[in-house]
Amino acid sequence: MDVIHMSFGDSAYGNLKYVFQKSKEHQNEQIICINEDFSIGPLYKLESEEGMQERKQWLKQLLTQTGSVSDTDYLDWIETTLKNNLQVAIGIPNNSKVILWHGDNTSDEIGLRFVAFLLQNKSIQFETVNVTVYSRYIGFTVRDLQNKEVPDVIRSLGEMPPNLILDALQMKKSVSNIKIEILINDWKEWSQTKGILRILLDGKVVAVSEDYYDASILENTPNEYQRASYVVGEVMGKIEQCIGDTYLTFRVQQLIQQRKLSYQGDVGFLSKMEIRLP
């Protein structure tokens, strides 16, 4: 039986690849990366060419507006990545075992549903490794600024120390056909929605308005000018959601346009801008 590990995001993929290359037991097992952040952007009909193009245009606008990209090569990479995500089922043989690595975060939760939908017509034995559950099981800790050990939770495979990955794999669980059907039906519902922002609330993915993070940005912005990158970093560190700095940069720009924030520097680049409350 072919064994295929499925990860969500570059960091997660890199973690698995690094560990498996050093492990004789898993060297011949395939790793597939779904390189996507499902917490932001349109999901409408994303399993189709129409939906993929809509998402591509949204990502293009977001990335160019926030100064994250400035060349066409990267924008072409977006389309290639979206197409590769859609074609993930093609290279997976029938009667394979697919191990889904995920954590308790919005993107991974939606990703599980997306993959279940894409593979619904294949005879697949699904298993999952929830790295968040694993981190709680072992009482995972990190050291704070005072070098004291404090409890922490791993929210994604990309955050997991590589030395823990093979141990976490031992906690994999089988996924019932009923659960897979639930995931497929959930995806069908999400693929009919028009929103662009989702969060994980009490273990459930919910849609929220696109200004959901604005309050946190304003709460962490001082009265004197501060580097915008520092403010965004503070927001990312304090909230329980996994959200990237690109979307938060976009919201900073929106707050500036609404005159809820003042700025100096280059509004198109997070690292070249300072912000404060008006």
C-alpha atoms as a PDB file:
ATOM      1  CA  MET A   1       0.000   0.000   0.000  1.00  0.00           C
ATOM      2  CA  ASP A   2       1.265   3.468  -0.924  1.00  0.00           C
ATOM      3  CA  VAL A   3       1.661   5.726   2.106  1.00  0.00           C
ATOM      4  CA  ILE A   4       1.272   9.428   1.399  1.00  0.00           C
ATOM      5  CA  HIS A   5       1.651  12.199   3.929  1.00  0.00           C
ATOM      6  CA  MET A   6      -0.341  15.368   3.293  1.00  0.00           C
ATOM      7  CA  SER A   7       0.796  18.673   4.797  1.00  0.00           C
ATOM      8  CA  PHE A   8      -0.593  22.202   4.615  1.00  0.00           C
ATOM      9  CA  GLY A   9       1.902  24.975   3.843  1.00  0.00           C
ATOM     10  CA  ASP A  10       5.597  25.228   2.985  1.00  0.00           C
ATOM     11  CA  SER A  11       6.822  25.178   6.586  1.00  0.00           C
ATOM     12  CA  ALA A  12       4.888  22.014   7.385  1.00  0.00           C
ATOM     13  CA  TYR A  13       6.161  20.352   4.218  1.00  0.00           C
ATOM     14  CA  GLY A  14       9.736  21.345   4.968  1.00  0.00           C
ATOM     15  CA  ASN A  15       9.488  19.952   8.488  1.00  0.00           C
ATOM     16  CA  LEU A  16       8.228  16.570   7.289  1.00  0.00           C
ATOM     17  CA  LYS A  17      10.723  16.363   4.438  1.00  0.00           C
ATOM     18  CA  TYR A  18      13.665  17.128   6.731  1.00  0.00           C
ATOM     19  CA  VAL A  19      12.679  14.470   9.268  1.00  0.00           C
ATOM     20  CA  PHE A  20      11.722  11.757   6.782  1.00  0.00           C
ATOM     21  CA  GLN A  21      14.978  12.142   4.837  1.00  0.00           C
ATOM     22  CA  LYS A  22      16.811  11.180   8.004  1.00  0.00           C
ATOM     23  CA  SER A  23      14.461   8.317   8.860  1.00  0.00           C
ATOM     24  CA  LYS A  24      15.109   4.960   7.191  1.00  0.00           C
ATOM     25  CA  GLU A  25      11.583   3.853   8.035  1.00  0.00           C
ATOM     26  CA  HIS A  26       9.866   6.684   6.142  1.00  0.00           C
ATOM     27  CA  GLN A  27      12.306   7.526   3.336  1.00  0.00           C
ATOM     28  CA  ASN A  28      10.108   5.917   0.676  1.00  0.00           C
ATOM     29  CA  GLU A  29       6.874   7.539   1.775  1.00  0.00           C
ATOM     30  CA  GLN A  30       5.625  10.415  -0.331  1.00  0.00           C
ATOM     31  CA  ILE A  31       4.914  13.888   1.028  1.00  0.00           C
ATOM     32  CA  ILE A  32       2.434  16.169  -0.717  1.00  0.00           C
ATOM     33  CA  CYS A  33       2.077  19.841   0.130  1.00  0.00           C
ATOM     34  CA  ILE A  34      -1.176  21.767  -0.180  1.00  0.00           C
ATOM     35  CA  ASN A  35       0.402  25.208  -0.243  1.00  0.00           C
ATOM     36  CA  GLU A  36      -2.490  27.444   0.678  1.00  0.00           C
ATOM     37  CA  ASP A  37      -3.837  29.647   3.458  1.00  0.00           C
ATOM     38  CA  PHE A  38      -7.514  28.776   3.528  1.00  0.00           C
ATOM     39  CA  SER A  39      -8.232  31.237   6.344  1.00  0.00           C
ATOM     40  CA  ILE A  40      -8.193  34.205   3.937  1.00  0.00           C
ATOM     41  CA  GLY A  41      -9.470  34.858   0.448  1.00  0.00           C
ATOM     42  CA  PRO A  42     -12.404  33.542  -1.550  1.00  0.00           C
ATOM     43  CA  LEU A  43     -13.253  29.839  -1.401  1.00  0.00           C
ATOM     44  CA  TYR A  44     -16.169  30.098  -3.821  1.00  0.00           C
ATOM     45  CA  LYS A  45     -16.007  27.140  -6.226  1.00  0.00           C
ATOM     46  CA  LEU A  46     -12.288  26.775  -5.493  1.00  0.00           C
ATOM     47  CA  GLU A  47     -12.459  23.164  -6.685  1.00  0.00           C
ATOM     48  CA  SER A  48     -13.105  24.536 -10.207  1.00  0.00           C
ATOM     49  CA  GLU A  49     -11.206  26.650 -12.742  1.00  0.00           C
ATOM     50  CA  GLU A  50     -13.664  29.493 -12.161  1.00  0.00           C
ATOM     51  CA  GLY A  51     -13.019  29.547  -8.436  1.00  0.00           C
ATOM     52  CA  MET A  52      -9.280  29.228  -8.882  1.00  0.00           C
ATOM     53  CA  GLN A  53      -9.165  32.283 -11.130  1.00  0.00           C
ATOM     54  CA  GLU A  54     -11.253  34.319  -8.692  1.00  0.00           C
ATOM     55  CA  ARG A  55      -8.905  33.406  -5.846  1.00  0.00           C
ATOM     56  CA  LYS A  56      -5.859  34.161  -7.979  1.00  0.00           C
ATOM     57  CA  GLN A  57      -7.108  37.672  -8.728  1.00  0.00           C
ATOM     58  CA  TRP A  58      -7.831  38.320  -5.059  1.00  0.00           C
ATOM     59  CA  LEU A  59      -4.382  37.117  -4.000  1.00  0.00           C
ATOM     60  CA  LYS A  60      -2.755  39.176  -6.752  1.00  0.00           C
ATOM     61  CA  GLN A  61      -4.488  42.320  -5.524  1.00  0.00           C
ATOM     62  CA  LEU A  62      -3.631  41.596  -1.883  1.00  0.00           C
ATOM     63  CA  LEU A  63       0.030  40.834  -2.519  1.00  0.00           C
ATOM     64  CA  THR A  64       0.691  43.744  -4.855  1.00  0.00           C
ATOM     65  CA  GLN A  65      -1.152  46.241  -2.645  1.00  0.00           C
ATOM     66  CA  THR A  66       0.803  45.223   0.442  1.00  0.00           C
ATOM     67  CA  GLY A  67       4.143  45.230  -1.353  1.00  0.00           C
ATOM     68  CA  SER A  68       4.597  41.495  -0.793  1.00  0.00           C
ATOM     69  CA  VAL A  69       5.368  40.908  -4.485  1.00  0.00           C
ATOM     70  CA  SER A  70       6.407  43.133  -7.334  1.00  0.00           C
ATOM     71  CA  ASP A  71       7.200  40.793 -10.194  1.00  0.00           C
ATOM     72  CA  THR A  72       5.132  38.670 -12.543  1.00  0.00           C
ATOM     73  CA  ASP A  73       7.132  35.506 -11.826  1.00  0.00           C
ATOM     74  CA  TYR A  74       5.725  35.301  -8.316  1.00  0.00           C
ATOM     75  CA  LEU A  75       2.201  35.956  -9.564  1.00  0.00           C
ATOM     76  CA  ASP A  76       2.634  33.136 -12.091  1.00  0.00           C
ATOM     77  CA  TRP A  77       3.746  30.968  -9.162  1.00  0.00           C
ATOM     78  CA  ILE A  78       0.397  31.659  -7.479  1.00  0.00           C
ATOM     79  CA  GLU A  79      -1.504  30.260 -10.450  1.00  0.00           C
ATOM     80  CA  THR A  80       0.798  27.235 -10.669  1.00  0.00           C
ATOM     81  CA  THR A  81       0.323  26.534  -6.970  1.00  0.00           C
ATOM     82  CA  LEU A  82      -3.460  26.803  -7.196  1.00  0.00           C
ATOM     83  CA  LYS A  83      -3.499  24.425 -10.159  1.00  0.00           C
ATOM     84  CA  ASN A  84      -1.237  21.961  -8.346  1.00  0.00           C
ATOM     85  CA  ASN A  85      -3.597  21.998  -5.380  1.00  0.00           C
ATOM     86  CA  LEU A  86      -6.524  21.154  -7.645  1.00  0.00           C
ATOM     87  CA  GLN A  87      -4.595  18.310  -9.288  1.00  0.00           C
ATOM     88  CA  VAL A  88      -3.461  16.701  -6.035  1.00  0.00           C
ATOM     89  CA  ALA A  89      -5.820  13.766  -6.468  1.00  0.00           C
ATOM     90  CA  ILE A  90      -4.352  12.779  -9.848  1.00  0.00           C
ATOM     91  CA  GLY A  91      -1.088  11.452  -8.447  1.00  0.00           C
ATOM     92  CA  ILE A  92      -2.587   9.499  -5.545  1.00  0.00           C
ATOM     93  CA  PRO A  93      -3.271   5.834  -6.442  1.00  0.00           C
ATOM     94  CA  ASN A  94      -6.426   4.045  -5.384  1.00  0.00           C
ATOM     95  CA  ASN A  95      -6.170   2.039  -2.166  1.00  0.00           C
ATOM     96  CA  SER A  96      -3.514   4.365  -0.766  1.00  0.00           C
ATOM     97  CA  LYS A  97      -3.123   5.383   2.843  1.00  0.00           C
ATOM     98  CA  VAL A  98      -3.212   9.174   3.211  1.00  0.00           C
ATOM     99  CA  ILE A  99      -1.987  10.616   6.498  1.00  0.00           C
ATOM    100  CA  LEU A 100      -3.248  14.167   7.032  1.00  0.00           C
ATOM    101  CA  TRP A 101      -1.017  16.312   9.245  1.00  0.00           C
ATOM    102  CA  HIS A 102      -2.826  19.272  10.771  1.00  0.00           C
ATOM    103  CA  GLY A 103      -3.236  21.482  13.806  1.00  0.00           C
ATOM    104  CA  ASP A 104      -6.031  23.422  15.410  1.00  0.00           C
ATOM    105  CA  ASN A 105      -6.017  26.385  13.045  1.00  0.00           C
ATOM    106  CA  THR A 106      -8.446  27.693  10.462  1.00  0.00           C
ATOM    107  CA  SER A 107      -6.420  26.974   7.349  1.00  0.00           C
ATOM    108  CA  ASP A 108      -5.718  23.344   8.263  1.00  0.00           C
ATOM    109  CA  GLU A 109      -9.360  22.724   9.173  1.00  0.00           C
ATOM    110  CA  ILE A 110     -10.546  24.005   5.799  1.00  0.00           C
ATOM    111  CA  GLY A 111      -7.688  22.154   4.121  1.00  0.00           C
ATOM    112  CA  LEU A 112      -8.892  18.836   5.536  1.00  0.00           C
ATOM    113  CA  ARG A 113     -12.269  19.441   3.940  1.00  0.00           C
ATOM    114  CA  PHE A 114     -10.752  20.486   0.612  1.00  0.00           C
ATOM    115  CA  VAL A 115      -8.603  17.339   0.412  1.00  0.00           C
ATOM    116  CA  ALA A 116     -11.473  15.042   1.421  1.00  0.00           C
ATOM    117  CA  PHE A 117     -13.545  16.541  -1.393  1.00  0.00           C
ATOM    118  CA  LEU A 118     -10.793  16.151  -3.996  1.00  0.00           C
ATOM    119  CA  LEU A 119     -10.198  12.499  -3.063  1.00  0.00           C
ATOM    120  CA  GLN A 120     -13.842  11.485  -2.626  1.00  0.00           C
ATOM    121  CA  ASN A 121     -13.895   9.283  -5.736  1.00  0.00           C
ATOM    122  CA  LYS A 122     -10.831   7.270  -4.729  1.00  0.00           C
ATOM    123  CA  SER A 123     -10.608   4.368  -2.333  1.00  0.00           C
ATOM    124  CA  ILE A 124      -8.446   5.953   0.353  1.00  0.00           C
ATOM    125  CA  GLN A 125      -7.623   4.910   3.899  1.00  0.00           C
ATOM    126  CA  PHE A 126      -7.383   8.177   5.829  1.00  0.00           C
ATOM    127  CA  GLU A 127      -5.450   8.794   9.023  1.00  0.00           C
ATOM    128  CA  THR A 128      -4.755  12.063  10.815  1.00  0.00           C
ATOM    129  CA  VAL A 129      -2.050  13.439  13.048  1.00  0.00           C
ATOM    130  CA  ASN A 130      -3.257  16.416  15.081  1.00  0.00           C
ATOM    131  CA  VAL A 131      -0.133  18.210  16.283  1.00  0.00           C
ATOM    132  CA  THR A 132      -2.134  20.436  18.637  1.00  0.00           C
ATOM    133  CA  VAL A 133      -3.581  17.449  20.463  1.00  0.00           C
ATOM    134  CA  TYR A 134      -0.109  15.942  20.603  1.00  0.00           C
ATOM    135  CA  SER A 135       1.432  19.105  22.077  1.00  0.00           C
ATOM    136  CA  ARG A 136      -1.169  19.128  24.847  1.00  0.00           C
ATOM    137  CA  TYR A 137      -0.615  15.425  25.481  1.00  0.00           C
ATOM    138  CA  ILE A 138       3.123  15.870  26.089  1.00  0.00           C
ATOM    139  CA  GLY A 139       2.738  19.135  28.007  1.00  0.00           C
ATOM    140  CA  PHE A 140       4.759  21.088  25.441  1.00  0.00           C
ATOM    141  CA  THR A 141       6.671  24.084  26.817  1.00  0.00           C
ATOM    142  CA  VAL A 142       8.857  26.906  25.537  1.00  0.00           C
ATOM    143  CA  ARG A 143      11.216  29.314  27.272  1.00  0.00           C
ATOM    144  CA  ASP A 144      10.076  32.914  27.757  1.00  0.00           C
ATOM    145  CA  LEU A 145      12.232  36.051  27.756  1.00  0.00           C
ATOM    146  CA  GLN A 146      13.237  35.310  31.342  1.00  0.00           C
ATOM    147  CA  ASN A 147      14.369  31.823  30.269  1.00  0.00           C
ATOM    148  CA  LYS A 148      11.569  30.190  32.219  1.00  0.00           C
ATOM    149  CA  GLU A 149       9.659  27.212  30.836  1.00  0.00           C
ATOM    150  CA  VAL A 150       6.034  28.089  30.142  1.00  0.00           C
ATOM    151  CA  PRO A 151       3.228  25.960  28.660  1.00  0.00           C
ATOM    152  CA  ASP A 152       2.618  26.409  24.952  1.00  0.00           C
ATOM    153  CA  VAL A 153       0.435  24.900  22.237  1.00  0.00           C
ATOM    154  CA  ILE A 154       1.618  23.902  18.768  1.00  0.00           C
ATOM    155  CA  ARG A 155      -1.033  25.137  16.350  1.00  0.00           C
ATOM    156  CA  SER A 156       0.462  23.866  13.080  1.00  0.00           C
ATOM    157  CA  LEU A 157       2.994  21.348  11.829  1.00  0.00           C
ATOM    158  CA  GLY A 158       5.152  24.226  10.638  1.00  0.00           C
ATOM    159  CA  GLU A 159       5.600  25.306  14.265  1.00  0.00           C
ATOM    160  CA  MET A 160       6.563  21.848  15.521  1.00  0.00           C
ATOM    161  CA  PRO A 161      10.189  21.159  16.533  1.00  0.00           C
ATOM    162  CA  PRO A 162      11.440  18.499  14.080  1.00  0.00           C
ATOM    163  CA  ASN A 163      12.601  16.198  16.879  1.00  0.00           C
ATOM    164  CA  LEU A 164       8.962  15.695  17.933  1.00  0.00           C
ATOM    165  CA  ILE A 165       7.540  14.738  14.540  1.00  0.00           C
ATOM    166  CA  LEU A 166       8.170  10.976  14.575  1.00  0.00           C
ATOM    167  CA  ASP A 167       6.819  10.768  18.107  1.00  0.00           C
ATOM    168  CA  ALA A 168       3.674  12.644  17.041  1.00  0.00           C
ATOM    169  CA  LEU A 169       3.249  10.204  14.145  1.00  0.00           C
ATOM    170  CA  GLN A 170       2.745   7.422  16.672  1.00  0.00           C
ATOM    171  CA  MET A 171      -0.479   9.167  17.739  1.00  0.00           C
ATOM    172  CA  LYS A 172      -2.075   9.000  14.290  1.00  0.00           C
ATOM    173  CA  LYS A 173      -5.739   8.038  14.223  1.00  0.00           C
ATOM    174  CA  SER A 174      -7.941   6.425  11.599  1.00  0.00           C
ATOM    175  CA  VAL A 175     -10.712   8.535  10.105  1.00  0.00           C
ATOM    176  CA  SER A 176     -14.094   6.876   9.640  1.00  0.00           C
ATOM    177  CA  ASN A 177     -16.020   7.024   6.378  1.00  0.00           C
ATOM    178  CA  ILE A 178     -18.745   8.943   8.213  1.00  0.00           C
ATOM    179  CA  LYS A 179     -16.232  11.609   9.256  1.00  0.00           C
ATOM    180  CA  ILE A 180     -14.925  11.874   5.686  1.00  0.00           C
ATOM    181  CA  GLU A 181     -18.485  12.375   4.416  1.00  0.00           C
ATOM    182  CA  ILE A 182     -18.955  15.158   6.954  1.00  0.00           C
ATOM    183  CA  LEU A 183     -15.753  16.836   5.761  1.00  0.00           C
ATOM    184  CA  ILE A 184     -16.847  16.546   2.118  1.00  0.00           C
ATOM    185  CA  ASN A 185     -20.243  18.068   2.835  1.00  0.00           C
ATOM    186  CA  ASP A 186     -18.632  20.847   4.863  1.00  0.00           C
ATOM    187  CA  TRP A 187     -16.427  21.703   1.900  1.00  0.00           C
ATOM    188  CA  LYS A 188     -19.454  21.830  -0.395  1.00  0.00           C
ATOM    189  CA  GLU A 189     -20.972  24.415   1.938  1.00  0.00           C
ATOM    190  CA  TRP A 190     -17.798  26.492   2.198  1.00  0.00           C
ATOM    191  CA  SER A 191     -17.322  26.461  -1.574  1.00  0.00           C
ATOM    192  CA  GLN A 192     -20.654  28.256  -1.927  1.00  0.00           C
ATOM    193  CA  THR A 193     -19.704  31.119   0.388  1.00  0.00           C
ATOM    194  CA  LYS A 194     -18.524  34.553  -0.700  1.00  0.00           C
ATOM    195  CA  GLY A 195     -16.636  35.727   2.382  1.00  0.00           C
ATOM    196  CA  ILE A 196     -12.877  36.323   2.528  1.00  0.00           C
ATOM    197  CA  LEU A 197     -12.031  35.768   6.204  1.00  0.00           C
ATOM    198  CA  ARG A 198     -12.533  32.837   8.545  1.00  0.00           C
ATOM    199  CA  ILE A 199     -11.451  32.052  12.112  1.00  0.00           C
ATOM    200  CA  LEU A 200     -11.479  29.032  14.421  1.00  0.00           C
ATOM    201  CA  LEU A 201     -13.893  29.612  17.286  1.00  0.00           C
ATOM    202  CA  ASP A 202     -14.458  26.946  19.946  1.00  0.00           C
ATOM    203  CA  GLY A 203     -13.124  24.317  17.569  1.00  0.00           C
ATOM    204  CA  LYS A 204     -15.392  25.343  14.699  1.00  0.00           C
ATOM    205  CA  VAL A 205     -14.538  27.365  11.598  1.00  0.00           C
ATOM    206  CA  VAL A 206     -16.761  30.415  11.249  1.00  0.00           C
ATOM    207  CA  ALA A 207     -16.902  33.255   8.744  1.00  0.00           C
ATOM    208  CA  VAL A 208     -16.203  36.759  10.069  1.00  0.00           C
ATOM    209  CA  SER A 209     -16.166  40.217   8.541  1.00  0.00           C
ATOM    210  CA  GLU A 210     -12.957  41.273   6.831  1.00  0.00           C
ATOM    211  CA  ASP A 211     -12.317  43.926   9.514  1.00  0.00           C
ATOM    212  CA  TYR A 212     -12.265  41.308  12.298  1.00  0.00           C
ATOM    213  CA  TYR A 213      -8.637  42.055  13.244  1.00  0.00           C
ATOM    214  CA  ASP A 214      -8.964  45.842  13.147  1.00  0.00           C
ATOM    215  CA  ALA A 215      -9.754  46.148  16.858  1.00  0.00           C
ATOM    216  CA  SER A 216      -6.595  44.209  17.766  1.00  0.00           C
ATOM    217  CA  ILE A 217      -4.499  46.384  15.467  1.00  0.00           C
ATOM    218  CA  LEU A 218      -5.856  49.565  17.054  1.00  0.00           C
ATOM    219  CA  GLU A 219      -5.414  48.203  20.585  1.00  0.00           C
ATOM    220  CA  ASN A 220      -1.736  47.501  19.902  1.00  0.00           C
ATOM    221  CA  THR A 221      -0.984  50.793  18.144  1.00  0.00           C
ATOM    222  CA  PRO A 222       0.536  53.466  20.455  1.00  0.00           C
ATOM    223  CA  ASN A 223      -0.037  57.233  20.465  1.00  0.00           C
ATOM    224  CA  GLU A 224       3.534  57.784  19.271  1.00  0.00           C
ATOM    225  CA  TYR A 225       4.886  56.509  15.976  1.00  0.00           C
ATOM    226  CA  GLN A 226       5.928  52.866  16.082  1.00  0.00           C
ATOM    227  CA  ARG A 227       7.172  50.559  13.339  1.00  0.00           C
ATOM    228  CA  ALA A 228       4.153  49.010  11.664  1.00  0.00           C
ATOM    229  CA  SER A 229       5.947  45.653  11.536  1.00  0.00           C
ATOM    230  CA  TYR A 230       6.280  45.737  15.330  1.00  0.00           C
ATOM    231  CA  VAL A 231       2.553  46.430  15.777  1.00  0.00           C
ATOM    232  CA  VAL A 232       1.615  43.623  13.400  1.00  0.00           C
ATOM    233  CA  GLY A 233       3.996  41.284  15.220  1.00  0.00           C
ATOM    234  CA  GLU A 234       2.359  42.180  18.537  1.00  0.00           C
ATOM    235  CA  VAL A 235      -1.090  41.373  17.124  1.00  0.00           C
ATOM    236  CA  MET A 236       0.098  38.024  15.736  1.00  0.00           C
ATOM    237  CA  GLY A 237       1.652  37.113  19.068  1.00  0.00           C
ATOM    238  CA  LYS A 238      -1.358  38.000  21.215  1.00  0.00           C
ATOM    239  CA  ILE A 239      -4.308  36.625  19.272  1.00  0.00           C
ATOM    240  CA  GLU A 240      -5.204  32.933  19.296  1.00  0.00           C
ATOM    241  CA  GLN A 241      -5.701  32.762  15.542  1.00  0.00           C
ATOM    242  CA  CYS A 242      -3.053  31.801  12.971  1.00  0.00           C
ATOM    243  CA  ILE A 243      -2.999  34.768  10.620  1.00  0.00           C
ATOM    244  CA  GLY A 244      -0.180  35.949   8.383  1.00  0.00           C
ATOM    245  CA  ASP A 245       1.338  39.424   8.355  1.00  0.00           C
ATOM    246  CA  THR A 246       0.245  40.064   4.757  1.00  0.00           C
ATOM    247  CA  TYR A 247      -3.452  40.189   5.616  1.00  0.00           C
ATOM    248  CA  LEU A 248      -2.786  42.293   8.725  1.00  0.00           C
ATOM    249  CA  THR A 249      -0.737  44.692   6.592  1.00  0.00           C
ATOM    250  CA  PHE A 250      -3.725  45.005   4.282  1.00  0.00           C
ATOM    251  CA  ARG A 251      -5.923  45.876   7.264  1.00  0.00           C
ATOM    252  CA  VAL A 252      -3.407  48.475   8.477  1.00  0.00           C
ATOM    253  CA  GLN A 253      -3.655  50.107   5.064  1.00  0.00           C
ATOM    254  CA  GLN A 254      -7.455  50.071   5.261  1.00  0.00           C
ATOM    255  CA  LEU A 255      -7.366  51.709   8.702  1.00  0.00           C
ATOM    256  CA  ILE A 256      -5.072  54.417   7.316  1.00  0.00           C
ATOM    257  CA  GLN A 257      -7.513  55.072   4.477  1.00  0.00           C
ATOM    258  CA  GLN A 258     -10.311  55.298   7.053  1.00  0.00           C
ATOM    259  CA  ARG A 259      -8.154  57.793   9.019  1.00  0.00           C
ATOM    260  CA  LYS A 260      -8.224  55.569  12.087  1.00  0.00           C
ATOM    261  CA  LEU A 261      -4.421  55.391  11.915  1.00  0.00           C
ATOM    262  CA  SER A 262      -1.811  57.991  11.042  1.00  0.00           C
ATOM    263  CA  TYR A 263       1.384  56.976   9.236  1.00  0.00           C
ATOM    264  CA  GLN A 264       4.732  58.148   8.019  1.00  0.00           C
ATOM    265  CA  GLY A 265       6.981  56.454   5.492  1.00  0.00           C
ATOM    266  CA  ASP A 266       5.977  54.190   2.606  1.00  0.00           C
ATOM    267  CA  VAL A 267       2.414  52.941   3.066  1.00  0.00           C
ATOM    268  CA  GLY A 268       3.049  50.185   0.525  1.00  0.00           C
ATOM    269  CA  PHE A 269       5.674  48.400   2.628  1.00  0.00           C
ATOM    270  CA  LEU A 270       5.248  47.244   6.213  1.00  0.00           C
ATOM    271  CA  SER A 271       8.965  47.480   6.986  1.00  0.00           C
ATOM    272  CA  LYS A 272       9.184  51.061   5.705  1.00  0.00           C
ATOM    273  CA  MET A 273       6.203  52.499   7.572  1.00  0.00           C
ATOM    274  CA  GLU A 274       5.468  53.761  11.064  1.00  0.00           C
ATOM    275  CA  ILE A 275       1.960  54.136  12.463  1.00  0.00           C
ATOM    276  CA  ARG A 276       0.232  55.694  15.445  1.00  0.00           C
ATOM    277  CA  LEU A 277      -3.259  56.522  16.625  1.00  0.00           C
ATOM    278  CA  PRO A 278      -4.528  59.872  15.235  1.00  0.00           C
END
